[in-house]
Amino acid sequence: MAPDAVTLRSMFRKMLEIRHFDTAAGELFLRGQVKGSIHSYIGQEAIAVGFCAAMRPDDWITSTHRGHGHTIAKGGDLKRIMAEVLGKETGYCKGRGGSMHVTAADNGNLGALPIVASGLPIGVGAALSAQMRGEDKVVVCFFGEGGTSQGTYHEAVNLAALWKLPVVFVCENNVYAVSTHVCEAVPVADLADRAKAYGIPGINVDGNDVLAVYDVSETTIDQARRGGGPSFVACHTYRLEGHYVGEPRVYRSREEETDARRKDPLPHFRMWLIERGIMAETEADGLEEEVKRAVTDAVAFAKASPEPPAERVMEWVYA
């Protein structure tokens, strides 16, 4: 069932926030104002937004090195995320984490984890915690297609299936693991087949269609919440930018990228909303300008925020 009009507008806004946030973060990186790298989520917005729109505020997610989008979709504050990207004290991790390690526990984000598939066992642990406490929370683990070839993926899915834990494994198949095409790294044509070995549902969805993603997320999250155990969802999308901002992208053609941009989820969802009278074109334009101002404010806030003082560098760091 499609969400109501209020939810649809909120989903569109979240997709705009992710797009303009990562655009701004990329520009800051290219100017040399970011410590470390920026891994853009541009082109994949429908996945994070589609799933997080179906989650409760007290549900949890685990994220990846490409995690700004997940954090924003789960309700993260743009100013605090941008401050973390710039390594400032006002960031979610007091500037100690940076772009690839944003953790927003107060919004249910258990952390952006740059080691491939490392979020899965953490998510499974959180799901076990919810089960043991008798809570009906659900964990959604976001990871890339390359993660399905990691040992942590198989261990985590096996345990979750065995104990019927409340977790949904969301594979964001954006075609490339850094520069390696999925067909060169995975021996099965259908990634959803990787769920069969563990006796759990394996579902394919168009990751560029936010409504299709939302529909699948409602079904799988509800199943997990009711004690039906985990699911594996393969969301098929495309990373429109390089593996990191500024990467030369020599492993794929510009023609391939042009074709992928025709499937960009953001303009397609905007058109869908306008054609059905849910938003007028002027309203959509106005909302986009509002989001641009919010991102500009986030950048200004982050730049004006203090750097972590050297004498406190080990605070907030666990070892």
C-alpha atoms as a PDB file:
ATOM      1  CA  MET A   1       0.000   0.000   0.000  1.00  0.00           C
ATOM      2  CA  ALA A   2       1.379   3.422  -0.942  1.00  0.00           C
ATOM      3  CA  PRO A   3       2.140   5.852   1.898  1.00  0.00           C
ATOM      4  CA  ASP A   4      -0.152   8.810   2.566  1.00  0.00           C
ATOM      5  CA  ALA A   5       0.531  12.210   1.028  1.00  0.00           C
ATOM      6  CA  VAL A   6       2.315  13.561   4.118  1.00  0.00           C
ATOM      7  CA  THR A   7       4.702  10.596   4.135  1.00  0.00           C
ATOM      8  CA  LEU A   8       5.297  10.875   0.391  1.00  0.00           C
ATOM      9  CA  ARG A   9       6.268  14.541   0.705  1.00  0.00           C
ATOM     10  CA  SER A  10       8.545  13.691   3.609  1.00  0.00           C
ATOM     11  CA  MET A  11      10.216  10.962   1.545  1.00  0.00           C
ATOM     12  CA  PHE A  12      10.790  13.400  -1.306  1.00  0.00           C
ATOM     13  CA  ARG A  13      12.310  15.916   1.086  1.00  0.00           C
ATOM     14  CA  LYS A  14      14.643  13.290   2.537  1.00  0.00           C
ATOM     15  CA  MET A  15      15.820  12.318  -0.947  1.00  0.00           C
ATOM     16  CA  LEU A  16      16.490  15.995  -1.697  1.00  0.00           C
ATOM     17  CA  GLU A  17      18.377  16.401   1.573  1.00  0.00           C
ATOM     18  CA  ILE A  18      20.628  13.440   0.780  1.00  0.00           C
ATOM     19  CA  ARG A  19      21.276  14.663  -2.771  1.00  0.00           C
ATOM     20  CA  HIS A  20      22.169  18.230  -1.801  1.00  0.00           C
ATOM     21  CA  PHE A  21      24.047  17.246   1.345  1.00  0.00           C
ATOM     22  CA  ASP A  22      26.346  14.886  -0.526  1.00  0.00           C
ATOM     23  CA  THR A  23      26.758  17.416  -3.331  1.00  0.00           C
ATOM     24  CA  ALA A  24      27.877  20.021  -0.785  1.00  0.00           C
ATOM     25  CA  ALA A  25      30.118  17.545   1.058  1.00  0.00           C
ATOM     26  CA  GLY A  26      31.772  16.608  -2.226  1.00  0.00           C
ATOM     27  CA  GLU A  27      32.432  20.249  -3.074  1.00  0.00           C
ATOM     28  CA  LEU A  28      34.004  20.804   0.353  1.00  0.00           C
ATOM     29  CA  PHE A  29      36.254  17.799  -0.208  1.00  0.00           C
ATOM     30  CA  LEU A  30      37.387  19.064  -3.604  1.00  0.00           C
ATOM     31  CA  ARG A  31      38.314  22.384  -1.953  1.00  0.00           C
ATOM     32  CA  GLY A  32      40.487  20.530   0.551  1.00  0.00           C
ATOM     33  CA  GLN A  33      38.237  21.319   3.524  1.00  0.00           C
ATOM     34  CA  VAL A  34      37.430  17.714   4.511  1.00  0.00           C
ATOM     35  CA  LYS A  35      39.768  15.451   6.453  1.00  0.00           C
ATOM     36  CA  GLY A  36      39.705  12.068   4.732  1.00  0.00           C
ATOM     37  CA  SER A  37      37.505  11.103   1.786  1.00  0.00           C
ATOM     38  CA  ILE A  38      33.860  11.531   0.804  1.00  0.00           C
ATOM     39  CA  HIS A  39      31.930   8.559  -0.562  1.00  0.00           C
ATOM     40  CA  SER A  40      28.780   9.863  -2.212  1.00  0.00           C
ATOM     41  CA  TYR A  41      25.357   8.230  -1.883  1.00  0.00           C
ATOM     42  CA  ILE A  42      24.050  10.121  -4.927  1.00  0.00           C
ATOM     43  CA  GLY A  43      21.871   7.841  -7.046  1.00  0.00           C
ATOM     44  CA  GLN A  44      20.988   5.484  -4.206  1.00  0.00           C
ATOM     45  CA  GLU A  45      18.653   7.774  -2.224  1.00  0.00           C
ATOM     46  CA  ALA A  46      15.542   5.683  -2.869  1.00  0.00           C
ATOM     47  CA  ILE A  47      16.915   2.746  -0.879  1.00  0.00           C
ATOM     48  CA  ALA A  48      17.691   4.494   2.400  1.00  0.00           C
ATOM     49  CA  VAL A  49      14.550   6.625   2.228  1.00  0.00           C
ATOM     50  CA  GLY A  50      12.283   3.744   1.190  1.00  0.00           C
ATOM     51  CA  PHE A  51      13.392   1.595   4.102  1.00  0.00           C
ATOM     52  CA  CYS A  52      13.677   4.256   6.786  1.00  0.00           C
ATOM     53  CA  ALA A  53      10.212   5.600   5.952  1.00  0.00           C
ATOM     54  CA  ALA A  54       8.778   2.213   6.955  1.00  0.00           C
ATOM     55  CA  MET A  55      10.752   2.032  10.208  1.00  0.00           C
ATOM     56  CA  ARG A  56       9.859   3.293  13.649  1.00  0.00           C
ATOM     57  CA  PRO A  57      12.069   5.933  15.327  1.00  0.00           C
ATOM     58  CA  ASP A  58      13.237   3.345  17.883  1.00  0.00           C
ATOM     59  CA  ASP A  59      14.251   0.786  15.231  1.00  0.00           C
ATOM     60  CA  TRP A  60      17.960   0.518  14.413  1.00  0.00           C
ATOM     61  CA  ILE A  61      20.125   0.605  11.316  1.00  0.00           C
ATOM     62  CA  THR A  62      23.747  -0.189  10.567  1.00  0.00           C
ATOM     63  CA  SER A  63      25.440   1.760   7.825  1.00  0.00           C
ATOM     64  CA  THR A  64      28.508   1.792   5.572  1.00  0.00           C
ATOM     65  CA  HIS A  65      31.326   4.096   4.433  1.00  0.00           C
ATOM     66  CA  ARG A  66      28.678   5.565   2.072  1.00  0.00           C
ATOM     67  CA  GLY A  67      26.515   6.425   5.038  1.00  0.00           C
ATOM     68  CA  HIS A  68      25.404  10.068   4.958  1.00  0.00           C
ATOM     69  CA  GLY A  69      22.237   9.017   3.154  1.00  0.00           C
ATOM     70  CA  HIS A  70      21.344   6.385   5.733  1.00  0.00           C
ATOM     71  CA  THR A  71      21.896   8.837   8.584  1.00  0.00           C
ATOM     72  CA  ILE A  72      19.760  11.529   6.963  1.00  0.00           C
ATOM     73  CA  ALA A  73      16.993   9.089   6.030  1.00  0.00           C
ATOM     74  CA  LYS A  74      16.861   7.840   9.633  1.00  0.00           C
ATOM     75  CA  GLY A  75      16.255  11.372  10.892  1.00  0.00           C
ATOM     76  CA  GLY A  76      19.781  12.649  11.498  1.00  0.00           C
ATOM     77  CA  ASP A  77      20.391  16.375  11.904  1.00  0.00           C
ATOM     78  CA  LEU A  78      22.040  17.931   8.844  1.00  0.00           C
ATOM     79  CA  LYS A  79      24.146  20.322  10.908  1.00  0.00           C
ATOM     80  CA  ARG A  80      25.551  17.619  13.177  1.00  0.00           C
ATOM     81  CA  ILE A  81      26.305  15.316  10.241  1.00  0.00           C
ATOM     82  CA  MET A  82      28.099  18.083   8.337  1.00  0.00           C
ATOM     83  CA  ALA A  83      30.018  19.036  11.465  1.00  0.00           C
ATOM     84  CA  GLU A  84      31.175  15.437  11.770  1.00  0.00           C
ATOM     85  CA  VAL A  85      32.204  15.404   8.108  1.00  0.00           C
ATOM     86  CA  LEU A  86      34.401  18.444   8.839  1.00  0.00           C
ATOM     87  CA  GLY A  87      35.752  16.879  12.036  1.00  0.00           C
ATOM     88  CA  LYS A  88      34.199  19.397  14.426  1.00  0.00           C
ATOM     89  CA  GLU A  89      33.268  19.119  18.118  1.00  0.00           C
ATOM     90  CA  THR A  90      29.576  19.677  17.312  1.00  0.00           C
ATOM     91  CA  GLY A  91      29.438  16.568  15.125  1.00  0.00           C
ATOM     92  CA  TYR A  92      27.661  13.384  16.110  1.00  0.00           C
ATOM     93  CA  CYS A  93      30.979  11.788  17.153  1.00  0.00           C
ATOM     94  CA  LYS A  94      32.574  15.010  18.436  1.00  0.00           C
ATOM     95  CA  GLY A  95      34.591  15.146  15.225  1.00  0.00           C
ATOM     96  CA  ARG A  96      36.443  11.941  16.067  1.00  0.00           C
ATOM     97  CA  GLY A  97      34.753   9.826  13.413  1.00  0.00           C
ATOM     98  CA  GLY A  98      34.487  11.909  10.282  1.00  0.00           C
ATOM     99  CA  SER A  99      32.546  11.097   7.139  1.00  0.00           C
ATOM    100  CA  MET A 100      32.942   7.315   7.220  1.00  0.00           C
ATOM    101  CA  HIS A 101      32.136   6.798  10.919  1.00  0.00           C
ATOM    102  CA  VAL A 102      28.986   8.825  11.616  1.00  0.00           C
ATOM    103  CA  THR A 103      27.076   7.252  14.504  1.00  0.00           C
ATOM    104  CA  ALA A 104      23.755   8.786  15.550  1.00  0.00           C
ATOM    105  CA  ALA A 105      22.520   6.498  18.305  1.00  0.00           C
ATOM    106  CA  ASP A 106      19.738   8.866  19.358  1.00  0.00           C
ATOM    107  CA  ASN A 107      18.193   8.314  15.903  1.00  0.00           C
ATOM    108  CA  GLY A 108      18.753   4.554  15.908  1.00  0.00           C
ATOM    109  CA  ASN A 109      21.902   4.653  13.754  1.00  0.00           C
ATOM    110  CA  LEU A 110      24.376   2.188  15.259  1.00  0.00           C
ATOM    111  CA  GLY A 111      27.150   3.463  13.055  1.00  0.00           C
ATOM    112  CA  ALA A 112      28.645   3.930   9.636  1.00  0.00           C
ATOM    113  CA  LEU A 113      31.260   1.203   9.339  1.00  0.00           C
ATOM    114  CA  PRO A 114      33.751   1.443   6.456  1.00  0.00           C
ATOM    115  CA  ILE A 115      35.076  -2.121   6.728  1.00  0.00           C
ATOM    116  CA  VAL A 116      33.049  -4.084   4.170  1.00  0.00           C
ATOM    117  CA  ALA A 117      30.128  -5.996   5.749  1.00  0.00           C
ATOM    118  CA  SER A 118      31.276  -5.154   9.286  1.00  0.00           C
ATOM    119  CA  GLY A 119      27.876  -3.721  10.164  1.00  0.00           C
ATOM    120  CA  LEU A 120      26.104  -7.062   9.751  1.00  0.00           C
ATOM    121  CA  PRO A 121      27.318  -8.805  12.921  1.00  0.00           C
ATOM    122  CA  ILE A 122      26.717  -5.590  14.871  1.00  0.00           C
ATOM    123  CA  GLY A 123      23.176  -5.432  13.517  1.00  0.00           C
ATOM    124  CA  VAL A 124      22.603  -9.088  14.332  1.00  0.00           C
ATOM    125  CA  GLY A 125      23.848  -8.445  17.873  1.00  0.00           C
ATOM    126  CA  ALA A 126      21.399  -5.574  18.245  1.00  0.00           C
ATOM    127  CA  ALA A 127      18.593  -7.775  16.906  1.00  0.00           C
ATOM    128  CA  LEU A 128      19.496 -10.494  19.423  1.00  0.00           C
ATOM    129  CA  SER A 129      19.423  -7.861  22.154  1.00  0.00           C
ATOM    130  CA  ALA A 130      15.910  -6.796  21.129  1.00  0.00           C
ATOM    131  CA  GLN A 131      14.736 -10.418  21.033  1.00  0.00           C
ATOM    132  CA  MET A 132      16.190 -11.212  24.468  1.00  0.00           C
ATOM    133  CA  ARG A 133      14.621  -8.072  25.973  1.00  0.00           C
ATOM    134  CA  GLY A 134      11.228  -8.906  24.505  1.00  0.00           C
ATOM    135  CA  GLU A 135      11.207  -5.685  22.484  1.00  0.00           C
ATOM    136  CA  ASP A 136       9.637  -5.573  19.033  1.00  0.00           C
ATOM    137  CA  LYS A 137      12.420  -3.500  17.496  1.00  0.00           C
ATOM    138  CA  VAL A 138      13.784  -4.284  14.040  1.00  0.00           C
ATOM    139  CA  VAL A 139      17.305  -3.782  12.696  1.00  0.00           C
ATOM    140  CA  VAL A 140      17.966  -2.922   9.041  1.00  0.00           C
ATOM    141  CA  CYS A 141      21.536  -3.617   7.898  1.00  0.00           C
ATOM    142  CA  PHE A 142      22.622  -1.686   4.803  1.00  0.00           C
ATOM    143  CA  PHE A 143      25.613  -3.040   2.859  1.00  0.00           C
ATOM    144  CA  GLY A 144      26.929  -3.265  -0.694  1.00  0.00           C
ATOM    145  CA  GLU A 145      26.910  -6.231  -3.053  1.00  0.00           C
ATOM    146  CA  GLY A 146      30.606  -6.761  -2.376  1.00  0.00           C
ATOM    147  CA  GLY A 147      29.708  -7.482   1.224  1.00  0.00           C
ATOM    148  CA  THR A 148      27.947 -10.711   0.279  1.00  0.00           C
ATOM    149  CA  SER A 149      31.350 -12.259  -0.414  1.00  0.00           C
ATOM    150  CA  GLN A 150      32.689 -11.490   3.061  1.00  0.00           C
ATOM    151  CA  GLY A 151      32.776 -14.059   5.839  1.00  0.00           C
ATOM    152  CA  THR A 152      30.996 -11.695   8.213  1.00  0.00           C
ATOM    153  CA  TYR A 153      27.999 -11.662   5.858  1.00  0.00           C
ATOM    154  CA  HIS A 154      27.630 -15.446   5.936  1.00  0.00           C
ATOM    155  CA  GLU A 155      28.176 -15.723   9.683  1.00  0.00           C
ATOM    156  CA  ALA A 156      25.684 -12.955  10.443  1.00  0.00           C
ATOM    157  CA  VAL A 157      22.946 -14.205   8.106  1.00  0.00           C
ATOM    158  CA  ASN A 158      23.385 -17.782   9.295  1.00  0.00           C
ATOM    159  CA  LEU A 159      22.979 -16.810  12.964  1.00  0.00           C
ATOM    160  CA  ALA A 160      20.048 -14.478  12.262  1.00  0.00           C
ATOM    161  CA  ALA A 161      18.254 -17.215  10.321  1.00  0.00           C
ATOM    162  CA  LEU A 162      18.966 -19.862  12.945  1.00  0.00           C
ATOM    163  CA  TRP A 163      17.575 -17.760  15.787  1.00  0.00           C
ATOM    164  CA  LYS A 164      14.872 -15.982  13.733  1.00  0.00           C
ATOM    165  CA  LEU A 165      16.206 -12.580  14.697  1.00  0.00           C
ATOM    166  CA  PRO A 166      14.342  -9.353  13.785  1.00  0.00           C
ATOM    167  CA  VAL A 167      16.718  -8.096  11.096  1.00  0.00           C
ATOM    168  CA  VAL A 168      16.448  -7.183   7.416  1.00  0.00           C
ATOM    169  CA  PHE A 169      19.596  -7.459   5.305  1.00  0.00           C
ATOM    170  CA  VAL A 170      19.479  -4.733   2.651  1.00  0.00           C
ATOM    171  CA  CYS A 171      22.022  -5.256  -0.118  1.00  0.00           C
ATOM    172  CA  GLU A 172      22.583  -2.067  -2.116  1.00  0.00           C
ATOM    173  CA  ASN A 173      23.769  -3.498  -5.411  1.00  0.00           C
ATOM    174  CA  ASN A 174      25.273  -0.423  -7.082  1.00  0.00           C
ATOM    175  CA  VAL A 175      27.146  -2.631  -9.599  1.00  0.00           C
ATOM    176  CA  TYR A 176      30.703  -1.804  -8.515  1.00  0.00           C
ATOM    177  CA  ALA A 177      32.663  -2.732  -5.389  1.00  0.00           C
ATOM    178  CA  VAL A 178      35.188   0.080  -5.771  1.00  0.00           C
ATOM    179  CA  SER A 179      36.137  -0.776  -9.397  1.00  0.00           C
ATOM    180  CA  THR A 180      35.147  -4.450  -9.511  1.00  0.00           C
ATOM    181  CA  HIS A 181      31.945  -5.222 -11.420  1.00  0.00           C
ATOM    182  CA  VAL A 182      29.534  -7.475  -9.552  1.00  0.00           C
ATOM    183  CA  CYS A 183      29.709 -10.132 -12.285  1.00  0.00           C
ATOM    184  CA  GLU A 184      33.461 -10.432 -11.663  1.00  0.00           C
ATOM    185  CA  ALA A 185      33.068 -10.989  -7.935  1.00  0.00           C
ATOM    186  CA  VAL A 186      29.860 -12.970  -7.402  1.00  0.00           C
ATOM    187  CA  PRO A 187      29.341 -16.410  -9.013  1.00  0.00           C
ATOM    188  CA  VAL A 188      25.529 -16.178  -9.088  1.00  0.00           C
ATOM    189  CA  ALA A 189      23.523 -14.004 -11.449  1.00  0.00           C
ATOM    190  CA  ASP A 190      20.820 -13.324  -8.853  1.00  0.00           C
ATOM    191  CA  LEU A 191      22.121 -11.953  -5.549  1.00  0.00           C
ATOM    192  CA  ALA A 192      18.848 -12.870  -3.865  1.00  0.00           C
ATOM    193  CA  ASP A 193      19.829 -16.513  -4.384  1.00  0.00           C
ATOM    194  CA  ARG A 194      22.408 -16.025  -1.668  1.00  0.00           C
ATOM    195  CA  ALA A 195      19.556 -16.087   0.856  1.00  0.00           C
ATOM    196  CA  LYS A 196      18.490 -19.614  -0.103  1.00  0.00           C
ATOM    197  CA  ALA A 197      21.367 -21.309   1.721  1.00  0.00           C
ATOM    198  CA  TYR A 198      20.024 -19.889   4.967  1.00  0.00           C
ATOM    199  CA  GLY A 199      16.354 -20.631   4.414  1.00  0.00           C
ATOM    200  CA  ILE A 200      15.240 -17.008   4.440  1.00  0.00           C
ATOM    201  CA  PRO A 201      13.365 -14.975   1.806  1.00  0.00           C
ATOM    202  CA  GLY A 202      15.536 -13.451  -0.922  1.00  0.00           C
ATOM    203  CA  ILE A 203      13.817 -10.552  -2.669  1.00  0.00           C
ATOM    204  CA  ASN A 204      14.809  -8.401  -5.648  1.00  0.00           C
ATOM    205  CA  VAL A 205      13.585  -4.815  -5.963  1.00  0.00           C
ATOM    206  CA  ASP A 206      14.264  -1.850  -8.223  1.00  0.00           C
ATOM    207  CA  GLY A 207      16.419   0.266  -5.926  1.00  0.00           C
ATOM    208  CA  ASN A 208      15.729   3.344  -8.063  1.00  0.00           C
ATOM    209  CA  ASP A 209      11.986   3.174  -7.305  1.00  0.00           C
ATOM    210  CA  VAL A 210      11.411   4.532  -3.812  1.00  0.00           C
ATOM    211  CA  LEU A 211       7.820   3.268  -3.710  1.00  0.00           C
ATOM    212  CA  ALA A 212       8.838  -0.256  -4.702  1.00  0.00           C
ATOM    213  CA  VAL A 213      11.505  -0.175  -1.998  1.00  0.00           C
ATOM    214  CA  TYR A 214       8.968   1.116   0.536  1.00  0.00           C
ATOM    215  CA  ASP A 215       6.548  -1.685  -0.346  1.00  0.00           C
ATOM    216  CA  VAL A 216       9.216  -4.362   0.186  1.00  0.00           C
ATOM    217  CA  SER A 217      10.421  -2.696   3.363  1.00  0.00           C
ATOM    218  CA  GLU A 218       6.938  -2.711   4.881  1.00  0.00           C
ATOM    219  CA  THR A 219       6.579  -6.445   4.211  1.00  0.00           C
ATOM    220  CA  THR A 220      10.021  -7.499   5.447  1.00  0.00           C
ATOM    221  CA  ILE A 221      10.076  -5.204   8.493  1.00  0.00           C
ATOM    222  CA  ASP A 222       6.603  -6.354   9.526  1.00  0.00           C
ATOM    223  CA  GLN A 223       7.667  -9.987   9.187  1.00  0.00           C
ATOM    224  CA  ALA A 224      10.735  -9.394  11.343  1.00  0.00           C
ATOM    225  CA  ARG A 225       8.745  -7.455  13.948  1.00  0.00           C
ATOM    226  CA  ARG A 226       6.194 -10.265  14.271  1.00  0.00           C
ATOM    227  CA  GLY A 227       8.884 -12.865  14.934  1.00  0.00           C
ATOM    228  CA  GLY A 228       9.027 -14.233  11.394  1.00  0.00           C
ATOM    229  CA  GLY A 229      12.783 -13.896  11.146  1.00  0.00           C
ATOM    230  CA  PRO A 230      15.124 -12.150   8.717  1.00  0.00           C
ATOM    231  CA  SER A 231      14.918 -11.389   5.009  1.00  0.00           C
ATOM    232  CA  PHE A 232      17.479 -10.504   2.367  1.00  0.00           C
ATOM    233  CA  VAL A 233      16.572  -7.700  -0.053  1.00  0.00           C
ATOM    234  CA  ALA A 234      18.703  -7.022  -3.135  1.00  0.00           C
ATOM    235  CA  CYS A 235      18.125  -3.397  -4.182  1.00  0.00           C
ATOM    236  CA  HIS A 236      19.384  -2.843  -7.733  1.00  0.00           C
ATOM    237  CA  THR A 237      20.738   0.652  -8.273  1.00  0.00           C
ATOM    238  CA  TYR A 238      23.817   2.468  -9.578  1.00  0.00           C
ATOM    239  CA  ARG A 239      26.454   4.644  -7.952  1.00  0.00           C
ATOM    240  CA  LEU A 240      26.254   7.796 -10.081  1.00  0.00           C
ATOM    241  CA  GLU A 241      29.500   9.228  -8.723  1.00  0.00           C
ATOM    242  CA  GLY A 242      32.880   7.558  -8.326  1.00  0.00           C
ATOM    243  CA  HIS A 243      33.738   5.230  -5.469  1.00  0.00           C
ATOM    244  CA  TYR A 244      34.966   8.389  -3.761  1.00  0.00           C
ATOM    245  CA  VAL A 245      34.559  12.010  -4.817  1.00  0.00           C
ATOM    246  CA  GLY A 246      37.145  12.910  -7.422  1.00  0.00           C
ATOM    247  CA  GLU A 247      37.857   9.350  -8.508  1.00  0.00           C
ATOM    248  CA  PRO A 248      38.685   9.137 -12.261  1.00  0.00           C
ATOM    249  CA  ARG A 249      36.242   6.214 -12.858  1.00  0.00           C
ATOM    250  CA  VAL A 250      38.453   4.614 -15.524  1.00  0.00           C
ATOM    251  CA  TYR A 251      36.766   1.230 -15.096  1.00  0.00           C
ATOM    252  CA  ARG A 252      33.450   2.311 -16.638  1.00  0.00           C
ATOM    253  CA  SER A 253      32.409   4.314 -19.665  1.00  0.00           C
ATOM    254  CA  ARG A 254      30.722   7.716 -19.714  1.00  0.00           C
ATOM    255  CA  GLU A 255      28.009   6.134 -21.912  1.00  0.00           C
ATOM    256  CA  GLU A 256      27.239   3.680 -19.124  1.00  0.00           C
ATOM    257  CA  GLU A 257      26.971   6.530 -16.657  1.00  0.00           C
ATOM    258  CA  THR A 258      24.719   8.534 -18.981  1.00  0.00           C
ATOM    259  CA  ASP A 259      22.374   5.563 -19.313  1.00  0.00           C
ATOM    260  CA  ALA A 260      22.305   5.140 -15.535  1.00  0.00           C
ATOM    261  CA  ARG A 261      21.436   8.818 -15.014  1.00  0.00           C
ATOM    262  CA  ARG A 262      18.261   8.282 -17.031  1.00  0.00           C
ATOM    263  CA  LYS A 263      17.130   6.062 -14.135  1.00  0.00           C
ATOM    264  CA  ASP A 264      18.031   8.611 -11.450  1.00  0.00           C
ATOM    265  CA  PRO A 265      15.467   8.002  -8.659  1.00  0.00           C
ATOM    266  CA  LEU A 266      15.036  11.640  -7.645  1.00  0.00           C
ATOM    267  CA  PRO A 267      13.584  13.203 -10.843  1.00  0.00           C
ATOM    268  CA  HIS A 268      11.458  10.089 -11.396  1.00  0.00           C
ATOM    269  CA  PHE A 269       9.873  10.380  -7.945  1.00  0.00           C
ATOM    270  CA  ARG A 270       9.397  14.122  -8.366  1.00  0.00           C
ATOM    271  CA  MET A 271       7.527  13.541 -11.645  1.00  0.00           C
ATOM    272  CA  TRP A 272       5.413  10.796 -10.051  1.00  0.00           C
ATOM    273  CA  LEU A 273       4.330  13.150  -7.264  1.00  0.00           C
ATOM    274  CA  ILE A 274       3.471  15.964  -9.686  1.00  0.00           C
ATOM    275  CA  GLU A 275       1.576  13.765 -12.137  1.00  0.00           C
ATOM    276  CA  ARG A 276      -0.654  12.454  -9.338  1.00  0.00           C
ATOM    277  CA  GLY A 277      -1.360  15.891  -7.898  1.00  0.00           C
ATOM    278  CA  ILE A 278       0.402  15.151  -4.618  1.00  0.00           C
ATOM    279  CA  MET A 279       2.700  18.120  -5.204  1.00  0.00           C
ATOM    280  CA  ALA A 280       2.496  21.026  -7.602  1.00  0.00           C
ATOM    281  CA  GLU A 281       5.615  21.749  -9.636  1.00  0.00           C
ATOM    282  CA  THR A 282       6.039  25.074  -7.851  1.00  0.00           C
ATOM    283  CA  GLU A 283       5.767  23.306  -4.495  1.00  0.00           C
ATOM    284  CA  ALA A 284       8.459  20.820  -5.500  1.00  0.00           C
ATOM    285  CA  ASP A 285      10.689  23.695  -6.633  1.00  0.00           C
ATOM    286  CA  GLY A 286      10.066  25.550  -3.385  1.00  0.00           C
ATOM    287  CA  LEU A 287      10.874  22.488  -1.308  1.00  0.00           C
ATOM    288  CA  GLU A 288      14.135  21.987  -3.168  1.00  0.00           C
ATOM    289  CA  GLU A 289      15.155  25.602  -2.516  1.00  0.00           C
ATOM    290  CA  GLU A 290      14.271  25.144   1.152  1.00  0.00           C
ATOM    291  CA  VAL A 291      16.480  22.053   1.332  1.00  0.00           C
ATOM    292  CA  LYS A 292      19.352  23.865  -0.397  1.00  0.00           C
ATOM    293  CA  ARG A 293      19.145  26.606   2.255  1.00  0.00           C
ATOM    294  CA  ALA A 294      19.118  23.993   5.032  1.00  0.00           C
ATOM    295  CA  VAL A 295      22.270  22.395   3.602  1.00  0.00           C
ATOM    296  CA  THR A 296      23.919  25.823   3.233  1.00  0.00           C
ATOM    297  CA  ASP A 297      23.082  26.495   6.892  1.00  0.00           C
ATOM    298  CA  ALA A 298      24.559  23.116   7.844  1.00  0.00           C
ATOM    299  CA  VAL A 299      27.811  23.961   6.074  1.00  0.00           C
ATOM    300  CA  ALA A 300      27.963  27.370   7.788  1.00  0.00           C
ATOM    301  CA  PHE A 301      27.293  25.753  11.175  1.00  0.00           C
ATOM    302  CA  ALA A 302      30.007  23.161  10.626  1.00  0.00           C
ATOM    303  CA  LYS A 303      32.587  25.702   9.477  1.00  0.00           C
ATOM    304  CA  ALA A 304      31.877  27.919  12.493  1.00  0.00           C
ATOM    305  CA  SER A 305      32.110  25.021  14.963  1.00  0.00           C
ATOM    306  CA  PRO A 306      35.282  24.465  17.010  1.00  0.00           C
ATOM    307  CA  GLU A 307      37.923  21.873  16.234  1.00  0.00           C
ATOM    308  CA  PRO A 308      38.449  19.173  18.880  1.00  0.00           C
ATOM    309  CA  PRO A 309      41.240  20.431  21.175  1.00  0.00           C
ATOM    310  CA  ALA A 310      44.414  18.352  21.026  1.00  0.00           C
ATOM    311  CA  GLU A 311      44.422  17.692  24.773  1.00  0.00           C
ATOM    312  CA  ARG A 312      41.000  16.002  24.512  1.00  0.00           C
ATOM    313  CA  VAL A 313      41.636  13.944  21.379  1.00  0.00           C
ATOM    314  CA  MET A 314      41.302  10.612  23.231  1.00  0.00           C
ATOM    315  CA  GLU A 315      37.937  11.478  24.801  1.00  0.00           C
ATOM    316  CA  TRP A 316      34.906   9.703  23.305  1.00  0.00           C
ATOM    317  CA  VAL A 317      37.223   7.087  21.777  1.00  0.00           C
ATOM    318  CA  TYR A 318      36.729   3.472  22.870  1.00  0.00           C
ATOM    319  CA  ALA A 319      39.552   0.946  22.871  1.00  0.00           C
END
